[in-house]
Amino acid sequence: MPDIDEVIHQPVRLRIMAALCSLGPREQADFSYLKEKLALTDGNLGAHLRTLEAAGHVSVEKTFVDRRPKTYLAASTSGRKAFAAHVAALQQILNSSD
């Protein structure tokens, strides 16, 4: 059985990584956009992002825009590789059940 990434495998984190990996390599999503797109609360999204950041899968950039805090998120290079490997592992599991 192929190895799956236990950090990414959790359903909300899988959706976060899918959303971030759908962006270009130098693109970022802001926290509010991701929260709305995935229908998550601030706390839920924040907790999952901390887990993904600790694993090195996402980068978090905090800044101010018009004196208001803004958080930008992106899949890291290693996060993109981990996500691709995780998706390949899931595909292999699906293909082996034929």
PDB file of N, CA and C in Angstrom:
ATOM      1  N   MET A   1       0.851  -1.186   0.000  1.00  0.00           N
ATOM      2  CA  MET A   1       0.000   0.000   0.000  1.00  0.00           C
ATOM      3  C   MET A   1       0.892   1.243   0.000  1.00  0.00           C
ATOM      4  N   PRO A   2       0.596   2.218  -0.835  1.00  0.00           N
ATOM      5  CA  PRO A   2       1.434   3.425  -0.906  1.00  0.00           C
ATOM      6  C   PRO A   2       1.322   4.269   0.363  1.00  0.00           C
ATOM      7  N   ASP A   3       2.361   5.039   0.603  1.00  0.00           N
ATOM      8  CA  ASP A   3       2.365   5.917   1.774  1.00  0.00           C
ATOM      9  C   ASP A   3       1.537   7.160   1.492  1.00  0.00           C
ATOM     10  N   ILE A   4       0.629   7.460   2.421  1.00  0.00           N
ATOM     11  CA  ILE A   4      -0.115   8.705   2.323  1.00  0.00           C
ATOM     12  C   ILE A   4       0.442   9.667   3.358  1.00  0.00           C
ATOM     13  N   ASP A   5       0.315  10.932   3.098  1.00  0.00           N
ATOM     14  CA  ASP A   5       0.801  11.970   4.012  1.00  0.00           C
ATOM     15  C   ASP A   5      -0.278  12.205   5.064  1.00  0.00           C
ATOM     16  N   GLU A   6      -0.011  11.800   6.300  1.00  0.00           N
ATOM     17  CA  GLU A   6      -1.008  11.900   7.372  1.00  0.00           C
ATOM     18  C   GLU A   6      -1.408  13.344   7.667  1.00  0.00           C
ATOM     19  N   VAL A   7      -0.500  14.292   7.454  1.00  0.00           N
ATOM     20  CA  VAL A   7      -0.840  15.704   7.680  1.00  0.00           C
ATOM     21  C   VAL A   7      -1.825  16.175   6.623  1.00  0.00           C
ATOM     22  N   ILE A   8      -1.566  15.851   5.379  1.00  0.00           N
ATOM     23  CA  ILE A   8      -2.423  16.283   4.275  1.00  0.00           C
ATOM     24  C   ILE A   8      -3.720  15.483   4.232  1.00  0.00           C
ATOM     25  N   HIS A   9      -3.690  14.249   4.675  1.00  0.00           N
ATOM     26  CA  HIS A   9      -4.834  13.350   4.521  1.00  0.00           C
ATOM     27  C   HIS A   9      -6.100  13.823   5.229  1.00  0.00           C
ATOM     28  N   GLN A  10      -5.968  14.578   6.293  1.00  0.00           N
ATOM     29  CA  GLN A  10      -7.144  15.081   7.018  1.00  0.00           C
ATOM     30  C   GLN A  10      -7.986  15.886   6.022  1.00  0.00           C
ATOM     31  N   PRO A  11      -9.308  15.673   5.951  1.00  0.00           N
ATOM     32  CA  PRO A  11     -10.125  16.269   4.878  1.00  0.00           C
ATOM     33  C   PRO A  11     -10.022  17.785   4.715  1.00  0.00           C
ATOM     34  N   VAL A  12     -10.027  18.547   5.787  1.00  0.00           N
ATOM     35  CA  VAL A  12      -9.939  20.007   5.644  1.00  0.00           C
ATOM     36  C   VAL A  12      -8.564  20.393   5.113  1.00  0.00           C
ATOM     37  N   ARG A  13      -7.518  19.770   5.631  1.00  0.00           N
ATOM     38  CA  ARG A  13      -6.163  20.090   5.148  1.00  0.00           C
ATOM     39  C   ARG A  13      -5.983  19.667   3.691  1.00  0.00           C
ATOM     40  N   LEU A  14      -6.614  18.575   3.302  1.00  0.00           N
ATOM     41  CA  LEU A  14      -6.568  18.148   1.903  1.00  0.00           C
ATOM     42  C   LEU A  14      -7.213  19.205   1.011  1.00  0.00           C
ATOM     43  N   ARG A  15      -8.336  19.754   1.437  1.00  0.00           N
ATOM     44  CA  ARG A  15      -9.011  20.806   0.668  1.00  0.00           C
ATOM     45  C   ARG A  15      -8.177  22.081   0.624  1.00  0.00           C
ATOM     46  N   ILE A  16      -7.530  22.427   1.737  1.00  0.00           N
ATOM     47  CA  ILE A  16      -6.661  23.618   1.765  1.00  0.00           C
ATOM     48  C   ILE A  16      -5.516  23.440   0.771  1.00  0.00           C
ATOM     49  N   MET A  17      -4.863  22.282   0.830  1.00  0.00           N
ATOM     50  CA  MET A  17      -3.733  22.038  -0.071  1.00  0.00           C
ATOM     51  C   MET A  17      -4.187  22.015  -1.527  1.00  0.00           C
ATOM     52  N   ALA A  18      -5.351  21.435  -1.797  1.00  0.00           N
ATOM     53  CA  ALA A  18      -5.864  21.417  -3.176  1.00  0.00           C
ATOM     54  C   ALA A  18      -6.091  22.844  -3.668  1.00  0.00           C
ATOM     55  N   ALA A  19      -6.665  23.679  -2.816  1.00  0.00           N
ATOM     56  CA  ALA A  19      -6.918  25.071  -3.210  1.00  0.00           C
ATOM     57  C   ALA A  19      -5.610  25.813  -3.451  1.00  0.00           C
ATOM     58  N   LEU A  20      -4.642  25.650  -2.560  1.00  0.00           N
ATOM     59  CA  LEU A  20      -3.369  26.371  -2.705  1.00  0.00           C
ATOM     60  C   LEU A  20      -2.536  25.835  -3.863  1.00  0.00           C
ATOM     61  N   CYS A  21      -2.589  24.521  -4.089  1.00  0.00           N
ATOM     62  CA  CYS A  21      -1.811  23.946  -5.191  1.00  0.00           C
ATOM     63  C   CYS A  21      -2.440  24.242  -6.549  1.00  0.00           C
ATOM     64  N   SER A  22      -3.708  24.669  -6.561  1.00  0.00           N
ATOM     65  CA  SER A  22      -4.329  25.050  -7.826  1.00  0.00           C
ATOM     66  C   SER A  22      -3.841  26.417  -8.298  1.00  0.00           C
ATOM     67  N   LEU A  23      -3.190  27.165  -7.410  1.00  0.00           N
ATOM     68  CA  LEU A  23      -2.612  28.458  -7.765  1.00  0.00           C
ATOM     69  C   LEU A  23      -1.281  28.243  -8.466  1.00  0.00           C
ATOM     70  N   GLY A  24      -0.831  29.248  -9.172  1.00  0.00           N
ATOM     71  CA  GLY A  24       0.491  29.185  -9.783  1.00  0.00           C
ATOM     72  C   GLY A  24       1.573  29.150  -8.719  1.00  0.00           C
ATOM     73  N   PRO A  25       2.791  28.743  -9.086  1.00  0.00           N
ATOM     74  CA  PRO A  25       3.871  28.594  -8.118  1.00  0.00           C
ATOM     75  C   PRO A  25       4.217  29.866  -7.335  1.00  0.00           C
ATOM     76  N   ARG A  26       3.963  31.023  -7.898  1.00  0.00           N
ATOM     77  CA  ARG A  26       4.287  32.276  -7.212  1.00  0.00           C
ATOM     78  C   ARG A  26       3.038  33.031  -6.755  1.00  0.00           C
ATOM     79  N   GLU A  27       1.890  32.381  -6.858  1.00  0.00           N
ATOM     80  CA  GLU A  27       0.637  33.021  -6.450  1.00  0.00           C
ATOM     81  C   GLU A  27       0.315  32.715  -4.987  1.00  0.00           C
ATOM     82  N   GLN A  28      -0.461  33.609  -4.383  1.00  0.00           N
ATOM     83  CA  GLN A  28      -0.888  33.449  -2.999  1.00  0.00           C
ATOM     84  C   GLN A  28      -2.396  33.663  -2.922  1.00  0.00           C
ATOM     85  N   ALA A  29      -2.982  33.114  -1.874  1.00  0.00           N
ATOM     86  CA  ALA A  29      -4.394  33.366  -1.581  1.00  0.00           C
ATOM     87  C   ALA A  29      -4.442  34.084  -0.248  1.00  0.00           C
ATOM     88  N   ASP A  30      -5.390  34.988  -0.087  1.00  0.00           N
ATOM     89  CA  ASP A  30      -5.484  35.602   1.224  1.00  0.00           C
ATOM     90  C   ASP A  30      -6.414  34.768   2.112  1.00  0.00           C
ATOM     91  N   PHE A  31      -6.210  34.913   3.410  1.00  0.00           N
ATOM     92  CA  PHE A  31      -6.900  34.123   4.418  1.00  0.00           C
ATOM     93  C   PHE A  31      -8.412  34.205   4.230  1.00  0.00           C
ATOM     94  N   SER A  32      -8.944  35.403   4.039  1.00  0.00           N
ATOM     95  CA  SER A  32     -10.393  35.589   3.915  1.00  0.00           C
ATOM     96  C   SER A  32     -10.947  34.864   2.697  1.00  0.00           C
ATOM     97  N   TYR A  33     -10.228  34.925   1.592  1.00  0.00           N
ATOM     98  CA  TYR A  33     -10.663  34.239   0.372  1.00  0.00           C
ATOM     99  C   TYR A  33     -10.735  32.734   0.624  1.00  0.00           C
ATOM    100  N   LEU A  34      -9.684  32.182   1.222  1.00  0.00           N
ATOM    101  CA  LEU A  34      -9.632  30.747   1.475  1.00  0.00           C
ATOM    102  C   LEU A  34     -10.715  30.329   2.468  1.00  0.00           C
ATOM    103  N   LYS A  35     -10.929  31.144   3.480  1.00  0.00           N
ATOM    104  CA  LYS A  35     -11.966  30.870   4.477  1.00  0.00           C
ATOM    105  C   LYS A  35     -13.337  30.799   3.805  1.00  0.00           C
ATOM    106  N   GLU A  36     -13.611  31.755   2.933  1.00  0.00           N
ATOM    107  CA  GLU A  36     -14.902  31.784   2.238  1.00  0.00           C
ATOM    108  C   GLU A  36     -15.033  30.639   1.243  1.00  0.00           C
ATOM    109  N   LYS A  37     -13.989  30.410   0.469  1.00  0.00           N
ATOM    110  CA  LYS A  37     -14.012  29.360  -0.560  1.00  0.00           C
ATOM    111  C   LYS A  37     -14.253  27.983   0.057  1.00  0.00           C
ATOM    112  N   LEU A  38     -13.660  27.736   1.222  1.00  0.00           N
ATOM    113  CA  LEU A  38     -13.764  26.420   1.850  1.00  0.00           C
ATOM    114  C   LEU A  38     -14.847  26.358   2.926  1.00  0.00           C
ATOM    115  N   ALA A  39     -15.535  27.483   3.154  1.00  0.00           N
ATOM    116  CA  ALA A  39     -16.614  27.561   4.155  1.00  0.00           C
ATOM    117  C   ALA A  39     -16.132  27.115   5.536  1.00  0.00           C
ATOM    118  N   LEU A  40     -15.039  27.747   5.993  1.00  0.00           N
ATOM    119  CA  LEU A  40     -14.457  27.428   7.298  1.00  0.00           C
ATOM    120  C   LEU A  40     -14.543  28.643   8.217  1.00  0.00           C
ATOM    121  N   THR A  41     -14.439  28.403   9.503  1.00  0.00           N
ATOM    122  CA  THR A  41     -14.358  29.510  10.454  1.00  0.00           C
ATOM    123  C   THR A  41     -12.916  29.982  10.541  1.00  0.00           C
ATOM    124  N   ASP A  42     -12.718  31.170  11.103  1.00  0.00           N
ATOM    125  CA  ASP A  42     -11.354  31.681  11.302  1.00  0.00           C
ATOM    126  C   ASP A  42     -10.518  30.694  12.105  1.00  0.00           C
ATOM    127  N   GLY A  43     -11.079  30.232  13.216  1.00  0.00           N
ATOM    128  CA  GLY A  43     -10.342  29.333  14.108  1.00  0.00           C
ATOM    129  C   GLY A  43     -10.016  28.002  13.468  1.00  0.00           C
ATOM    130  N   ASN A  44     -10.967  27.447  12.735  1.00  0.00           N
ATOM    131  CA  ASN A  44     -10.744  26.160  12.089  1.00  0.00           C
ATOM    132  C   ASN A  44      -9.665  26.278  11.028  1.00  0.00           C
ATOM    133  N   LEU A  45      -9.774  27.281  10.165  1.00  0.00           N
ATOM    134  CA  LEU A  45      -8.765  27.472   9.125  1.00  0.00           C
ATOM    135  C   LEU A  45      -7.407  27.754   9.754  1.00  0.00           C
ATOM    136  N   GLY A  46      -7.373  28.616  10.760  1.00  0.00           N
ATOM    137  CA  GLY A  46      -6.105  28.950  11.409  1.00  0.00           C
ATOM    138  C   GLY A  46      -5.412  27.736  12.010  1.00  0.00           C
ATOM    139  N   ALA A  47      -6.179  26.878  12.671  1.00  0.00           N
ATOM    140  CA  ALA A  47      -5.594  25.686  13.299  1.00  0.00           C
ATOM    141  C   ALA A  47      -5.005  24.751  12.249  1.00  0.00           C
ATOM    142  N   HIS A  48      -5.728  24.536  11.165  1.00  0.00           N
ATOM    143  CA  HIS A  48      -5.225  23.654  10.111  1.00  0.00           C
ATOM    144  C   HIS A  48      -4.021  24.263   9.400  1.00  0.00           C
ATOM    145  N   LEU A  49      -4.028  25.571   9.221  1.00  0.00           N
ATOM    146  CA  LEU A  49      -2.867  26.225   8.596  1.00  0.00           C
ATOM    147  C   LEU A  49      -1.628  26.108   9.471  1.00  0.00           C
ATOM    148  N   ARG A  50      -1.788  26.202  10.785  1.00  0.00           N
ATOM    149  CA  ARG A  50      -0.639  26.036  11.679  1.00  0.00           C
ATOM    150  C   ARG A  50      -0.043  24.646  11.533  1.00  0.00           C
ATOM    151  N   THR A  51      -0.888  23.633  11.419  1.00  0.00           N
ATOM    152  CA  THR A  51      -0.409  22.259  11.236  1.00  0.00           C
ATOM    153  C   THR A  51       0.329  22.118   9.906  1.00  0.00           C
ATOM    154  N   LEU A  52      -0.252  22.666   8.849  1.00  0.00           N
ATOM    155  CA  LEU A  52       0.392  22.589   7.533  1.00  0.00           C
ATOM    156  C   LEU A  52       1.695  23.384   7.503  1.00  0.00           C
ATOM    157  N   GLU A  53       1.712  24.526   8.177  1.00  0.00           N
ATOM    158  CA  GLU A  53       2.925  25.342   8.226  1.00  0.00           C
ATOM    159  C   GLU A  53       4.019  24.622   9.013  1.00  0.00           C
ATOM    160  N   ALA A  54       3.658  24.004  10.125  1.00  0.00           N
ATOM    161  CA  ALA A  54       4.643  23.271  10.938  1.00  0.00           C
ATOM    162  C   ALA A  54       5.264  22.114  10.153  1.00  0.00           C
ATOM    163  N   ALA A  55       4.492  21.526   9.245  1.00  0.00           N
ATOM    164  CA  ALA A  55       4.992  20.435   8.405  1.00  0.00           C
ATOM    165  C   ALA A  55       5.785  20.954   7.210  1.00  0.00           C
ATOM    166  N   GLY A  56       5.796  22.273   7.009  1.00  0.00           N
ATOM    167  CA  GLY A  56       6.520  22.860   5.884  1.00  0.00           C
ATOM    168  C   GLY A  56       5.749  22.837   4.578  1.00  0.00           C
ATOM    169  N   HIS A  57       4.451  22.559   4.643  1.00  0.00           N
ATOM    170  CA  HIS A  57       3.645  22.452   3.424  1.00  0.00           C
ATOM    171  C   HIS A  57       3.138  23.794   2.910  1.00  0.00           C
ATOM    172  N   VAL A  58       2.989  24.774   3.792  1.00  0.00           N
ATOM    173  CA  VAL A  58       2.515  26.092   3.367  1.00  0.00           C
ATOM    174  C   VAL A  58       3.410  27.181   3.934  1.00  0.00           C
ATOM    175  N   SER A  59       3.417  28.305   3.244  1.00  0.00           N
ATOM    176  CA  SER A  59       4.095  29.485   3.776  1.00  0.00           C
ATOM    177  C   SER A  59       3.021  30.515   4.091  1.00  0.00           C
ATOM    178  N   VAL A  60       3.243  31.237   5.186  1.00  0.00           N
ATOM    179  CA  VAL A  60       2.295  32.233   5.661  1.00  0.00           C
ATOM    180  C   VAL A  60       3.015  33.567   5.713  1.00  0.00           C
ATOM    181  N   GLU A  61       2.429  34.564   5.068  1.00  0.00           N
ATOM    182  CA  GLU A  61       3.001  35.910   5.061  1.00  0.00           C
ATOM    183  C   GLU A  61       1.975  36.870   5.642  1.00  0.00           C
ATOM    184  N   LYS A  62       2.354  37.534   6.722  1.00  0.00           N
ATOM    185  CA  LYS A  62       1.457  38.500   7.362  1.00  0.00           C
ATOM    186  C   LYS A  62       1.952  39.908   7.065  1.00  0.00           C
ATOM    187  N   THR A  63       1.021  40.774   6.698  1.00  0.00           N
ATOM    188  CA  THR A  63       1.358  42.142   6.341  1.00  0.00           C
ATOM    189  C   THR A  63       0.175  43.038   6.694  1.00  0.00           C
ATOM    190  N   PHE A  64       0.291  44.304   6.376  1.00  0.00           N
ATOM    191  CA  PHE A  64      -0.801  45.251   6.581  1.00  0.00           C
ATOM    192  C   PHE A  64      -1.158  45.885   5.250  1.00  0.00           C
ATOM    193  N   VAL A  65      -2.452  46.025   5.000  1.00  0.00           N
ATOM    194  CA  VAL A  65      -2.967  46.714   3.820  1.00  0.00           C
ATOM    195  C   VAL A  65      -3.971  47.736   4.332  1.00  0.00           C
ATOM    196  N   ASP A  66      -3.701  49.006   4.053  1.00  0.00           N
ATOM    197  CA  ASP A  66      -4.551  50.085   4.575  1.00  0.00           C
ATOM    198  C   ASP A  66      -4.733  49.968   6.093  1.00  0.00           C
ATOM    199  N   ARG A  67      -3.639  49.725   6.774  1.00  0.00           N
ATOM    200  CA  ARG A  67      -3.595  49.618   8.236  1.00  0.00           C
ATOM    201  C   ARG A  67      -4.375  48.435   8.812  1.00  0.00           C
ATOM    202  N   ARG A  68      -4.740  47.520   7.951  1.00  0.00           N
ATOM    203  CA  ARG A  68      -5.459  46.331   8.411  1.00  0.00           C
ATOM    204  C   ARG A  68      -4.581  45.113   8.184  1.00  0.00           C
ATOM    205  N   PRO A  69      -4.561  44.181   9.141  1.00  0.00           N
ATOM    206  CA  PRO A  69      -3.738  42.977   8.959  1.00  0.00           C
ATOM    207  C   PRO A  69      -4.268  42.108   7.817  1.00  0.00           C
ATOM    208  N   LYS A  70      -3.355  41.576   7.043  1.00  0.00           N
ATOM    209  CA  LYS A  70      -3.679  40.687   5.935  1.00  0.00           C
ATOM    210  C   LYS A  70      -2.752  39.487   6.016  1.00  0.00           C
ATOM    211  N   THR A  71      -3.295  38.316   5.819  1.00  0.00           N
ATOM    212  CA  THR A  71      -2.503  37.090   5.816  1.00  0.00           C
ATOM    213  C   THR A  71      -2.603  36.455   4.439  1.00  0.00           C
ATOM    214  N   TYR A  72      -1.438  36.195   3.833  1.00  0.00           N
ATOM    215  CA  TYR A  72      -1.369  35.564   2.526  1.00  0.00           C
ATOM    216  C   TYR A  72      -0.771  34.176   2.679  1.00  0.00           C
ATOM    217  N   LEU A  73      -1.307  33.235   1.916  1.00  0.00           N
ATOM    218  CA  LEU A  73      -0.916  31.831   2.035  1.00  0.00           C
ATOM    219  C   LEU A  73      -0.515  31.286   0.681  1.00  0.00           C
ATOM    220  N   ALA A  74       0.443  30.376   0.706  1.00  0.00           N
ATOM    221  CA  ALA A  74       0.880  29.712  -0.517  1.00  0.00           C
ATOM    222  C   ALA A  74       1.374  28.321  -0.179  1.00  0.00           C
ATOM    223  N   ALA A  75       1.228  27.418  -1.120  1.00  0.00           N
ATOM    224  CA  ALA A  75       1.819  26.092  -0.965  1.00  0.00           C
ATOM    225  C   ALA A  75       3.319  26.232  -1.195  1.00  0.00           C
ATOM    226  N   SER A  76       4.113  25.663  -0.302  1.00  0.00           N
ATOM    227  CA  SER A  76       5.567  25.689  -0.477  1.00  0.00           C
ATOM    228  C   SER A  76       5.955  24.682  -1.560  1.00  0.00           C
ATOM    229  N   THR A  77       7.186  24.768  -2.014  1.00  0.00           N
ATOM    230  CA  THR A  77       7.670  23.814  -3.012  1.00  0.00           C
ATOM    231  C   THR A  77       7.575  22.396  -2.471  1.00  0.00           C
ATOM    232  N   SER A  78       8.014  22.209  -1.235  1.00  0.00           N
ATOM    233  CA  SER A  78       7.929  20.864  -0.642  1.00  0.00           C
ATOM    234  C   SER A  78       6.472  20.466  -0.400  1.00  0.00           C
ATOM    235  N   GLY A  79       5.621  21.433  -0.105  1.00  0.00           N
ATOM    236  CA  GLY A  79       4.196  21.152   0.065  1.00  0.00           C
ATOM    237  C   GLY A  79       3.550  20.701  -1.230  1.00  0.00           C
ATOM    238  N   ARG A  80       3.935  21.336  -2.326  1.00  0.00           N
ATOM    239  CA  ARG A  80       3.404  20.927  -3.635  1.00  0.00           C
ATOM    240  C   ARG A  80       3.842  19.498  -3.966  1.00  0.00           C
ATOM    241  N   LYS A  81       5.092  19.181  -3.668  1.00  0.00           N
ATOM    242  CA  LYS A  81       5.592  17.821  -3.916  1.00  0.00           C
ATOM    243  C   LYS A  81       4.855  16.819  -3.026  1.00  0.00           C
ATOM    244  N   ALA A  82       4.668  17.171  -1.756  1.00  0.00           N
ATOM    245  CA  ALA A  82       3.967  16.282  -0.827  1.00  0.00           C
ATOM    246  C   ALA A  82       2.519  16.074  -1.271  1.00  0.00           C
ATOM    247  N   PHE A  83       1.869  17.141  -1.730  1.00  0.00           N
ATOM    248  CA  PHE A  83       0.487  17.034  -2.198  1.00  0.00           C
ATOM    249  C   PHE A  83       0.411  16.136  -3.429  1.00  0.00           C
ATOM    250  N   ALA A  84       1.316  16.334  -4.372  1.00  0.00           N
ATOM    251  CA  ALA A  84       1.334  15.504  -5.588  1.00  0.00           C
ATOM    252  C   ALA A  84       1.570  14.037  -5.241  1.00  0.00           C
ATOM    253  N   ALA A  85       2.478  13.775  -4.307  1.00  0.00           N
ATOM    254  CA  ALA A  85       2.747  12.398  -3.889  1.00  0.00           C
ATOM    255  C   ALA A  85       1.532  11.797  -3.183  1.00  0.00           C
ATOM    256  N   HIS A  86       0.860  12.608  -2.382  1.00  0.00           N
ATOM    257  CA  HIS A  86      -0.338  12.145  -1.679  1.00  0.00           C
ATOM    258  C   HIS A  86      -1.441  11.799  -2.676  1.00  0.00           C
ATOM    259  N   VAL A  87      -1.663  12.657  -3.648  1.00  0.00           N
ATOM    260  CA  VAL A  87      -2.681  12.410  -4.676  1.00  0.00           C
ATOM    261  C   VAL A  87      -2.321  11.148  -5.468  1.00  0.00           C
ATOM    262  N   ALA A  88      -1.046  10.980  -5.785  1.00  0.00           N
ATOM    263  CA  ALA A  88      -0.603   9.775  -6.514  1.00  0.00           C
ATOM    264  C   ALA A  88      -0.844   8.520  -5.685  1.00  0.00           C
ATOM    265  N   ALA A  89      -0.607   8.615  -4.376  1.00  0.00           N
ATOM    266  CA  ALA A  89      -0.833   7.476  -3.491  1.00  0.00           C
ATOM    267  C   ALA A  89      -2.320   7.126  -3.447  1.00  0.00           C
ATOM    268  N   LEU A  90      -3.168   8.152  -3.352  1.00  0.00           N
ATOM    269  CA  LEU A  90      -4.614   7.908  -3.355  1.00  0.00           C
ATOM    270  C   LEU A  90      -5.051   7.285  -4.681  1.00  0.00           C
ATOM    271  N   GLN A  91      -4.489   7.780  -5.787  1.00  0.00           N
ATOM    272  CA  GLN A  91      -4.821   7.237  -7.110  1.00  0.00           C
ATOM    273  C   GLN A  91      -4.400   5.777  -7.207  1.00  0.00           C
ATOM    274  N   GLN A  92      -3.247   5.467  -6.661  1.00  0.00           N
ATOM    275  CA  GLN A  92      -2.756   4.085  -6.684  1.00  0.00           C
ATOM    276  C   GLN A  92      -3.675   3.171  -5.875  1.00  0.00           C
ATOM    277  N   ILE A  93      -4.151   3.674  -4.743  1.00  0.00           N
ATOM    278  CA  ILE A  93      -5.098   2.899  -3.934  1.00  0.00           C
ATOM    279  C   ILE A  93      -6.385   2.661  -4.709  1.00  0.00           C
ATOM    280  N   LEU A  94      -6.889   3.705  -5.354  1.00  0.00           N
ATOM    281  CA  LEU A  94      -8.109   3.570  -6.144  1.00  0.00           C
ATOM    282  C   LEU A  94      -7.929   2.597  -7.309  1.00  0.00           C
ATOM    283  N   ASN A  95      -6.789   2.673  -7.965  1.00  0.00           N
ATOM    284  CA  ASN A  95      -6.522   1.808  -9.117  1.00  0.00           C
ATOM    285  C   ASN A  95      -6.334   0.352  -8.693  1.00  0.00           C
ATOM    286  N   SER A  96      -5.837   0.126  -7.503  1.00  0.00           N
ATOM    287  CA  SER A  96      -5.595  -1.252  -7.049  1.00  0.00           C
ATOM    288  C   SER A  96      -6.889  -1.948  -6.640  1.00  0.00           C
ATOM    289  N   SER A  97      -7.957  -1.183  -6.485  1.00  0.00           N
ATOM    290  CA  SER A  97      -9.230  -1.796  -6.076  1.00  0.00           C
ATOM    291  C   SER A  97     -10.064  -2.236  -7.267  1.00  0.00           C
ATOM    292  N   ASP A  98      -9.533  -2.038  -8.477  1.00  0.00           N
ATOM    293  CA  ASP A  98     -10.276  -2.451  -9.686  1.00  0.00           C
ATOM    294  C   ASP A  98     -10.325  -3.943  -9.831  1.00  0.00           C
TER     295      ASP A  98
END
